Structure formats: C-alpha cells, structure tokens
C-alpha cells in the first residue's frame, strides 16, 4: 500500500463501549472497504499517522464519544494497513456535524464527496508519520 491513502465507510462509527457483535460487524465492514481500495497490497512497515473524521447529523441519538471510536478503527486496520497498531505514532480524530463548515482548506475529492452527501460517514486517511523527534 502506498501512502498517503484514504477511504470512507458510510454509517455511524461503533464505540469501543458498544456491543462486541456490533463492533465486529463494523470492523469487518471497514476492513472490506479498505480491501476494496487497497487490494492485497502489503502492509506499511514503518510508522504511520492516521486521520479520522466522522460526521453525523447533530440530531442523531447516541453519537459515540470521539475517544471511543479510535480503538475499533485502529484495530480493524491491523494486518491490513500496518502490521500492528503500535506503528501508529500520530492521530488526528475529529467529530463534525452536517451543516457546519468543512474546515479543510483543500479537502480531497473523497472527503468532499462524502461530506456533501449528508449521510453519516467515517473518513480515514493514512500518511507517513512525521519525523519522530520532539
């Protein structure tokens, strides 16, 4: 797999605190979409940065907390995008609501397309991690 790489899954992300069945179902769906984009390309061997944006309607009930959506997503990408999630050194995670302005000066066509669709989604982008100094 070459970096940067991005993809989208539609629907509400699943919380780490949700049911195990729903979490597995979401992770399988996410892995399936990633495989569709990446195919059988080898995993990244070095450090990666992960950007996650999930967008929902503000009126939606039971919107998961931002910190609880990270682990299921990172675990779903193990042995697919990277060998282990200990390779993830940097994370940006955002929760946004439809109707708010998209605060990205140059959104990718992938992100712009799903944002204008007004359907709940999770956008995931992987890039090479920055240099590991302070």
C-alpha atoms as a PDB file:
ATOM      1  CA  UNK A   1       0.000   0.000   0.000  1.00  0.00           C
ATOM      2  CA  UNK A   2       1.338   3.410  -0.847  1.00  0.00           C
ATOM      3  CA  UNK A   3       0.858   6.445   1.343  1.00  0.00           C
ATOM      4  CA  UNK A   4      -0.994   8.715   1.579  1.00  0.00           C
ATOM      5  CA  UNK A   5      -4.153   6.666   1.245  1.00  0.00           C
ATOM      6  CA  UNK A   6      -7.759   7.397   2.163  1.00  0.00           C
ATOM      7  CA  UNK A   7     -11.161   5.777   2.149  1.00  0.00           C
ATOM      8  CA  UNK A   8     -14.660   6.244   3.522  1.00  0.00           C
ATOM      9  CA  UNK A   9     -17.158   3.996   5.240  1.00  0.00           C
ATOM     10  CA  UNK A  10     -20.754   5.117   5.480  1.00  0.00           C
ATOM     11  CA  UNK A  11     -22.703   4.835   8.697  1.00  0.00           C
ATOM     12  CA  UNK A  12     -22.096   5.610  12.345  1.00  0.00           C
ATOM     13  CA  UNK A  13     -18.769   4.511  13.825  1.00  0.00           C
ATOM     14  CA  UNK A  14     -19.046   1.960  16.599  1.00  0.00           C
ATOM     15  CA  UNK A  15     -17.926   2.772  20.103  1.00  0.00           C
ATOM     16  CA  UNK A  16     -15.418   0.680  22.000  1.00  0.00           C
ATOM     17  CA  UNK A  17     -18.067   0.578  24.722  1.00  0.00           C
ATOM     18  CA  UNK A  18     -20.744  -0.785  22.377  1.00  0.00           C
ATOM     19  CA  UNK A  19     -21.675  -4.412  21.945  1.00  0.00           C
ATOM     20  CA  UNK A  20     -18.977  -6.799  20.765  1.00  0.00           C
ATOM     21  CA  UNK A  21     -21.232  -8.018  17.943  1.00  0.00           C
ATOM     22  CA  UNK A  22     -21.775  -4.504  16.566  1.00  0.00           C
ATOM     23  CA  UNK A  23     -18.081  -3.712  16.931  1.00  0.00           C
ATOM     24  CA  UNK A  24     -17.031  -6.823  14.973  1.00  0.00           C
ATOM     25  CA  UNK A  25     -19.624  -6.108  12.289  1.00  0.00           C
ATOM     26  CA  UNK A  26     -18.376  -2.519  11.887  1.00  0.00           C
ATOM     27  CA  UNK A  27     -14.742  -3.649  11.829  1.00  0.00           C
ATOM     28  CA  UNK A  28     -15.474  -6.248   9.128  1.00  0.00           C
ATOM     29  CA  UNK A  29     -17.290  -3.613   7.063  1.00  0.00           C
ATOM     30  CA  UNK A  30     -14.383  -1.181   7.486  1.00  0.00           C
ATOM     31  CA  UNK A  31     -11.836  -3.861   6.535  1.00  0.00           C
ATOM     32  CA  UNK A  32     -13.905  -4.788   3.481  1.00  0.00           C
ATOM     33  CA  UNK A  33     -13.937  -1.192   2.251  1.00  0.00           C
ATOM     34  CA  UNK A  34     -10.195  -0.837   2.890  1.00  0.00           C
ATOM     35  CA  UNK A  35      -9.527  -4.071   0.969  1.00  0.00           C
ATOM     36  CA  UNK A  36     -11.652  -2.814  -1.902  1.00  0.00           C
ATOM     37  CA  UNK A  37      -9.466   0.303  -2.134  1.00  0.00           C
ATOM     38  CA  UNK A  38      -6.072  -1.233  -1.352  1.00  0.00           C
ATOM     39  CA  UNK A  39      -6.474  -4.753  -2.668  1.00  0.00           C
ATOM     40  CA  UNK A  40      -3.894  -7.247  -1.454  1.00  0.00           C
ATOM     41  CA  UNK A  41      -1.080  -4.708  -1.290  1.00  0.00           C
ATOM     42  CA  UNK A  42       1.421  -5.319   1.512  1.00  0.00           C
ATOM     43  CA  UNK A  43       1.122  -3.531   4.824  1.00  0.00           C
ATOM     44  CA  UNK A  44       3.183  -0.467   5.625  1.00  0.00           C
ATOM     45  CA  UNK A  45       6.297  -1.406   7.588  1.00  0.00           C
ATOM     46  CA  UNK A  46       7.209   1.988   9.065  1.00  0.00           C
ATOM     47  CA  UNK A  47       5.391   4.440  11.326  1.00  0.00           C
ATOM     48  CA  UNK A  48       2.098   5.952  10.185  1.00  0.00           C
ATOM     49  CA  UNK A  49      -0.147   8.865  11.044  1.00  0.00           C
ATOM     50  CA  UNK A  50      -3.896   8.301  10.979  1.00  0.00           C
ATOM     51  CA  UNK A  51      -6.543  10.942  10.430  1.00  0.00           C
ATOM     52  CA  UNK A  52     -10.146  10.056  11.252  1.00  0.00           C
ATOM     53  CA  UNK A  53     -13.154  12.270  10.683  1.00  0.00           C
ATOM     54  CA  UNK A  54     -16.645  11.124  11.461  1.00  0.00           C
ATOM     55  CA  UNK A  55     -19.573  13.264  10.514  1.00  0.00           C
ATOM     56  CA  UNK A  56     -23.172  12.883  11.656  1.00  0.00           C
ATOM     57  CA  UNK A  57     -26.383  14.840  11.961  1.00  0.00           C
ATOM     58  CA  UNK A  58     -26.461  16.737  15.255  1.00  0.00           C
ATOM     59  CA  UNK A  59     -29.980  15.363  15.964  1.00  0.00           C
ATOM     60  CA  UNK A  60     -28.727  11.762  15.882  1.00  0.00           C
ATOM     61  CA  UNK A  61     -29.141   9.950  19.175  1.00  0.00           C
ATOM     62  CA  UNK A  62     -26.290   8.037  20.837  1.00  0.00           C
ATOM     63  CA  UNK A  63     -23.413   9.613  18.946  1.00  0.00           C
ATOM     64  CA  UNK A  64     -20.281   7.886  20.235  1.00  0.00           C
ATOM     65  CA  UNK A  65     -17.620   9.824  22.092  1.00  0.00           C
ATOM     66  CA  UNK A  66     -14.641  10.662  19.937  1.00  0.00           C
ATOM     67  CA  UNK A  67     -12.164   8.738  22.095  1.00  0.00           C
ATOM     68  CA  UNK A  68     -14.255   5.568  21.935  1.00  0.00           C
ATOM     69  CA  UNK A  69     -14.231   5.294  18.133  1.00  0.00           C
ATOM     70  CA  UNK A  70     -10.441   5.234  17.811  1.00  0.00           C
ATOM     71  CA  UNK A  71      -9.592   1.754  19.084  1.00  0.00           C
ATOM     72  CA  UNK A  72     -12.107  -0.202  16.958  1.00  0.00           C
ATOM     73  CA  UNK A  73     -10.895   1.610  13.826  1.00  0.00           C
ATOM     74  CA  UNK A  74      -7.192   1.184  14.589  1.00  0.00           C
ATOM     75  CA  UNK A  75      -7.690  -2.496  15.444  1.00  0.00           C
ATOM     76  CA  UNK A  76      -9.652  -3.091  12.232  1.00  0.00           C
ATOM     77  CA  UNK A  77      -6.685  -1.860  10.184  1.00  0.00           C
ATOM     78  CA  UNK A  78      -4.193  -4.231  11.853  1.00  0.00           C
ATOM     79  CA  UNK A  79      -2.618  -6.708   9.424  1.00  0.00           C
ATOM     80  CA  UNK A  80      -4.177  -4.745   6.589  1.00  0.00           C
ATOM     81  CA  UNK A  81      -2.743  -1.218   6.584  1.00  0.00           C
ATOM     82  CA  UNK A  82       0.015  -1.923   9.100  1.00  0.00           C
ATOM     83  CA  UNK A  83       1.260  -4.984  10.947  1.00  0.00           C
ATOM     84  CA  UNK A  84       0.296  -3.684  14.358  1.00  0.00           C
ATOM     85  CA  UNK A  85      -1.296  -0.526  15.687  1.00  0.00           C
ATOM     86  CA  UNK A  86       1.885   0.205  17.644  1.00  0.00           C
ATOM     87  CA  UNK A  87       3.117   1.611  14.300  1.00  0.00           C
ATOM     88  CA  UNK A  88       0.591   4.452  14.648  1.00  0.00           C
ATOM     89  CA  UNK A  89       2.508   7.350  16.171  1.00  0.00           C
ATOM     90  CA  UNK A  90       0.203  10.244  15.344  1.00  0.00           C
ATOM     91  CA  UNK A  91      -3.584  10.524  15.361  1.00  0.00           C
ATOM     92  CA  UNK A  92      -5.965  13.284  14.428  1.00  0.00           C
ATOM     93  CA  UNK A  93      -9.570  12.441  15.182  1.00  0.00           C
ATOM     94  CA  UNK A  94     -12.476  14.788  14.554  1.00  0.00           C
ATOM     95  CA  UNK A  95     -16.220  14.606  15.114  1.00  0.00           C
ATOM     96  CA  UNK A  96     -18.214  17.025  12.969  1.00  0.00           C
ATOM     97  CA  UNK A  97     -21.856  17.693  12.289  1.00  0.00           C
ATOM     98  CA  UNK A  98     -23.566  18.213   8.959  1.00  0.00           C
ATOM     99  CA  UNK A  99     -24.388  21.851   8.373  1.00  0.00           C
ATOM    100  CA  UNK A 100     -21.118  23.070   9.868  1.00  0.00           C
ATOM    101  CA  UNK A 101     -18.492  24.399   7.532  1.00  0.00           C
ATOM    102  CA  UNK A 102     -15.893  21.905   6.350  1.00  0.00           C
ATOM    103  CA  UNK A 103     -12.736  23.324   7.914  1.00  0.00           C
ATOM    104  CA  UNK A 104     -10.267  21.927   5.429  1.00  0.00           C
ATOM    105  CA  UNK A 105      -8.664  24.387   3.028  1.00  0.00           C
ATOM    106  CA  UNK A 106      -8.099  21.720   0.361  1.00  0.00           C
ATOM    107  CA  UNK A 107     -10.368  18.729   1.012  1.00  0.00           C
ATOM    108  CA  UNK A 108      -9.734  15.705  -1.144  1.00  0.00           C
ATOM    109  CA  UNK A 109     -12.446  14.783  -3.646  1.00  0.00           C
ATOM    110  CA  UNK A 110     -13.129  11.708  -1.483  1.00  0.00           C
ATOM    111  CA  UNK A 111     -13.778  13.784   1.636  1.00  0.00           C
ATOM    112  CA  UNK A 112     -15.717  16.478  -0.209  1.00  0.00           C
ATOM    113  CA  UNK A 113     -17.932  13.872  -1.889  1.00  0.00           C
ATOM    114  CA  UNK A 114     -18.995  12.162   1.313  1.00  0.00           C
ATOM    115  CA  UNK A 115     -19.445  15.426   3.203  1.00  0.00           C
ATOM    116  CA  UNK A 116     -21.882  16.783   0.635  1.00  0.00           C
ATOM    117  CA  UNK A 117     -23.879  13.530   0.657  1.00  0.00           C
ATOM    118  CA  UNK A 118     -25.241  14.262   4.189  1.00  0.00           C
ATOM    119  CA  UNK A 119     -25.058  10.583   5.153  1.00  0.00           C
ATOM    120  CA  UNK A 120     -23.148   9.674   8.333  1.00  0.00           C
ATOM    121  CA  UNK A 121     -19.624   8.596   7.425  1.00  0.00           C
ATOM    122  CA  UNK A 122     -16.158   7.833   8.724  1.00  0.00           C
ATOM    123  CA  UNK A 123     -13.266   9.190   6.657  1.00  0.00           C
ATOM    124  CA  UNK A 124      -9.872   7.578   7.239  1.00  0.00           C
ATOM    125  CA  UNK A 125      -6.567   8.825   5.863  1.00  0.00           C
ATOM    126  CA  UNK A 126      -3.168   7.270   6.448  1.00  0.00           C
ATOM    127  CA  UNK A 127       0.096   9.087   5.806  1.00  0.00           C
ATOM    128  CA  UNK A 128       3.726   8.542   6.656  1.00  0.00           C
ATOM    129  CA  UNK A 129       4.372   9.583  10.222  1.00  0.00           C
ATOM    130  CA  UNK A 130       6.351  12.762  10.758  1.00  0.00           C
ATOM    131  CA  UNK A 131       9.950  12.509  11.850  1.00  0.00           C
ATOM    132  CA  UNK A 132       9.995  11.016  15.327  1.00  0.00           C
ATOM    133  CA  UNK A 133      11.737  13.878  17.117  1.00  0.00           C
ATOM    134  CA  UNK A 134      10.138  16.269  19.595  1.00  0.00           C
END
